[in-house]
């Protein structure tokens, strides 16, 4: 066999070995469930965060109205004095 043919065969063997490694990696990746829990926790934290933000916006609007009412009472009390 010529050196060129030996080099080509070595290249093909290396490609087959790498192909098998990629295939094994892909198979393990598809059957691995360890990251699923982290994704689920991330989704739960995201939903809770959005709920807190929406609740705080509603609370802040009510708090502004309360401060405006108190401001109105104190302003009127100060003008009467």
C-alpha atoms as a PDB file:
ATOM      1  CA  UNK A   1       0.000   0.000   0.000  1.00  0.00           C
ATOM      2  CA  UNK A   2       1.177   3.468  -0.738  1.00  0.00           C
ATOM      3  CA  UNK A   3       1.636   6.113   1.896  1.00  0.00           C
ATOM      4  CA  UNK A   4      -1.256   8.064   0.430  1.00  0.00           C
ATOM      5  CA  UNK A   5      -3.633   5.119   0.815  1.00  0.00           C
ATOM      6  CA  UNK A   6      -2.444   4.509   4.377  1.00  0.00           C
ATOM      7  CA  UNK A   7      -3.032   8.162   5.191  1.00  0.00           C
ATOM      8  CA  UNK A   8      -6.513   7.993   3.692  1.00  0.00           C
ATOM      9  CA  UNK A   9      -7.348   4.830   5.666  1.00  0.00           C
ATOM     10  CA  UNK A  10      -6.095   6.416   8.887  1.00  0.00           C
ATOM     11  CA  UNK A  11      -8.217   9.483   8.153  1.00  0.00           C
ATOM     12  CA  UNK A  12     -11.289   7.311   7.556  1.00  0.00           C
ATOM     13  CA  UNK A  13     -10.685   5.323  10.742  1.00  0.00           C
ATOM     14  CA  UNK A  14     -10.333   8.540  12.719  1.00  0.00           C
ATOM     15  CA  UNK A  15     -13.586   9.779  11.191  1.00  0.00           C
ATOM     16  CA  UNK A  16     -15.358   6.557  12.171  1.00  0.00           C
ATOM     17  CA  UNK A  17     -14.044   6.784  15.719  1.00  0.00           C
ATOM     18  CA  UNK A  18     -15.141  10.402  16.025  1.00  0.00           C
ATOM     19  CA  UNK A  19     -18.505   9.515  14.464  1.00  0.00           C
ATOM     20  CA  UNK A  20     -19.031   6.783  17.078  1.00  0.00           C
ATOM     21  CA  UNK A  21     -18.087   9.198  19.860  1.00  0.00           C
ATOM     22  CA  UNK A  22     -20.543  11.783  18.576  1.00  0.00           C
ATOM     23  CA  UNK A  23     -23.226   9.123  18.276  1.00  0.00           C
ATOM     24  CA  UNK A  24     -22.615   7.933  21.841  1.00  0.00           C
ATOM     25  CA  UNK A  25     -22.615  11.505  23.137  1.00  0.00           C
ATOM     26  CA  UNK A  26     -25.881  12.273  21.340  1.00  0.00           C
ATOM     27  CA  UNK A  27     -27.480   9.106  22.695  1.00  0.00           C
ATOM     28  CA  UNK A  28     -26.421   9.964  26.268  1.00  0.00           C
ATOM     29  CA  UNK A  29     -27.587  13.550  25.851  1.00  0.00           C
ATOM     30  CA  UNK A  30     -31.043  12.492  24.675  1.00  0.00           C
ATOM     31  CA  UNK A  31     -31.505  10.093  27.595  1.00  0.00           C
ATOM     32  CA  UNK A  32     -30.094  12.445  30.253  1.00  0.00           C
ATOM     33  CA  UNK A  33     -32.772  13.946  32.491  1.00  0.00           C
ATOM     34  CA  UNK A  34     -30.526  15.717  35.004  1.00  0.00           C
ATOM     35  CA  UNK A  35     -30.979  19.165  33.413  1.00  0.00           C
ATOM     36  CA  UNK A  36     -34.764  18.859  33.298  1.00  0.00           C
ATOM     37  CA  UNK A  37     -35.085  19.627  37.005  1.00  0.00           C
ATOM     38  CA  UNK A  38     -33.066  22.822  36.663  1.00  0.00           C
ATOM     39  CA  UNK A  39     -35.258  23.935  33.763  1.00  0.00           C
ATOM     40  CA  UNK A  40     -38.407  23.219  35.774  1.00  0.00           C
ATOM     41  CA  UNK A  41     -37.095  25.215  38.737  1.00  0.00           C
ATOM     42  CA  UNK A  42     -36.235  28.051  36.375  1.00  0.00           C
ATOM     43  CA  UNK A  43     -39.767  28.088  34.985  1.00  0.00           C
ATOM     44  CA  UNK A  44     -41.298  28.069  38.478  1.00  0.00           C
ATOM     45  CA  UNK A  45     -39.041  30.929  39.585  1.00  0.00           C
ATOM     46  CA  UNK A  46     -39.973  32.873  36.435  1.00  0.00           C
ATOM     47  CA  UNK A  47     -43.698  32.454  37.072  1.00  0.00           C
ATOM     48  CA  UNK A  48     -43.318  33.486  40.720  1.00  0.00           C
ATOM     49  CA  UNK A  49     -41.272  36.539  39.696  1.00  0.00           C
ATOM     50  CA  UNK A  50     -43.883  37.693  37.198  1.00  0.00           C
ATOM     51  CA  UNK A  51     -46.618  37.228  39.827  1.00  0.00           C
ATOM     52  CA  UNK A  52     -44.667  39.293  42.356  1.00  0.00           C
ATOM     53  CA  UNK A  53     -44.053  42.075  39.824  1.00  0.00           C
ATOM     54  CA  UNK A  54     -47.736  42.254  38.848  1.00  0.00           C
ATOM     55  CA  UNK A  55     -48.785  42.241  42.511  1.00  0.00           C
ATOM     56  CA  UNK A  56     -46.298  44.952  43.424  1.00  0.00           C
ATOM     57  CA  UNK A  57     -47.499  47.171  40.581  1.00  0.00           C
ATOM     58  CA  UNK A  58     -51.072  46.920  41.838  1.00  0.00           C
ATOM     59  CA  UNK A  59     -49.928  47.551  45.406  1.00  0.00           C
ATOM     60  CA  UNK A  60     -47.834  50.548  44.386  1.00  0.00           C
ATOM     61  CA  UNK A  61     -50.791  52.121  42.558  1.00  0.00           C
ATOM     62  CA  UNK A  62     -52.944  51.765  45.679  1.00  0.00           C
ATOM     63  CA  UNK A  63     -50.127  53.167  47.823  1.00  0.00           C
ATOM     64  CA  UNK A  64     -49.848  56.252  45.593  1.00  0.00           C
ATOM     65  CA  UNK A  65     -53.589  56.848  45.942  1.00  0.00           C
ATOM     66  CA  UNK A  66     -53.290  56.516  49.737  1.00  0.00           C
ATOM     67  CA  UNK A  67     -50.427  59.047  49.841  1.00  0.00           C
ATOM     68  CA  UNK A  68     -52.467  61.446  47.700  1.00  0.00           C
ATOM     69  CA  UNK A  69     -55.391  61.170  50.121  1.00  0.00           C
ATOM     70  CA  UNK A  70     -53.111  61.762  53.108  1.00  0.00           C
ATOM     71  CA  UNK A  71     -51.510  64.696  51.296  1.00  0.00           C
ATOM     72  CA  UNK A  72     -54.942  66.174  50.644  1.00  0.00           C
ATOM     73  CA  UNK A  73     -55.899  65.879  54.324  1.00  0.00           C
ATOM     74  CA  UNK A  74     -52.631  67.382  55.576  1.00  0.00           C
ATOM     75  CA  UNK A  75     -52.756  70.210  53.025  1.00  0.00           C
ATOM     76  CA  UNK A  76     -56.302  71.124  54.019  1.00  0.00           C
ATOM     77  CA  UNK A  77     -55.416  70.882  57.701  1.00  0.00           C
ATOM     78  CA  UNK A  78     -52.444  73.203  57.207  1.00  0.00           C
ATOM     79  CA  UNK A  79     -54.532  75.833  55.370  1.00  0.00           C
ATOM     80  CA  UNK A  80     -57.154  75.876  58.124  1.00  0.00           C
ATOM     81  CA  UNK A  81     -54.558  76.677  60.791  1.00  0.00           C
END
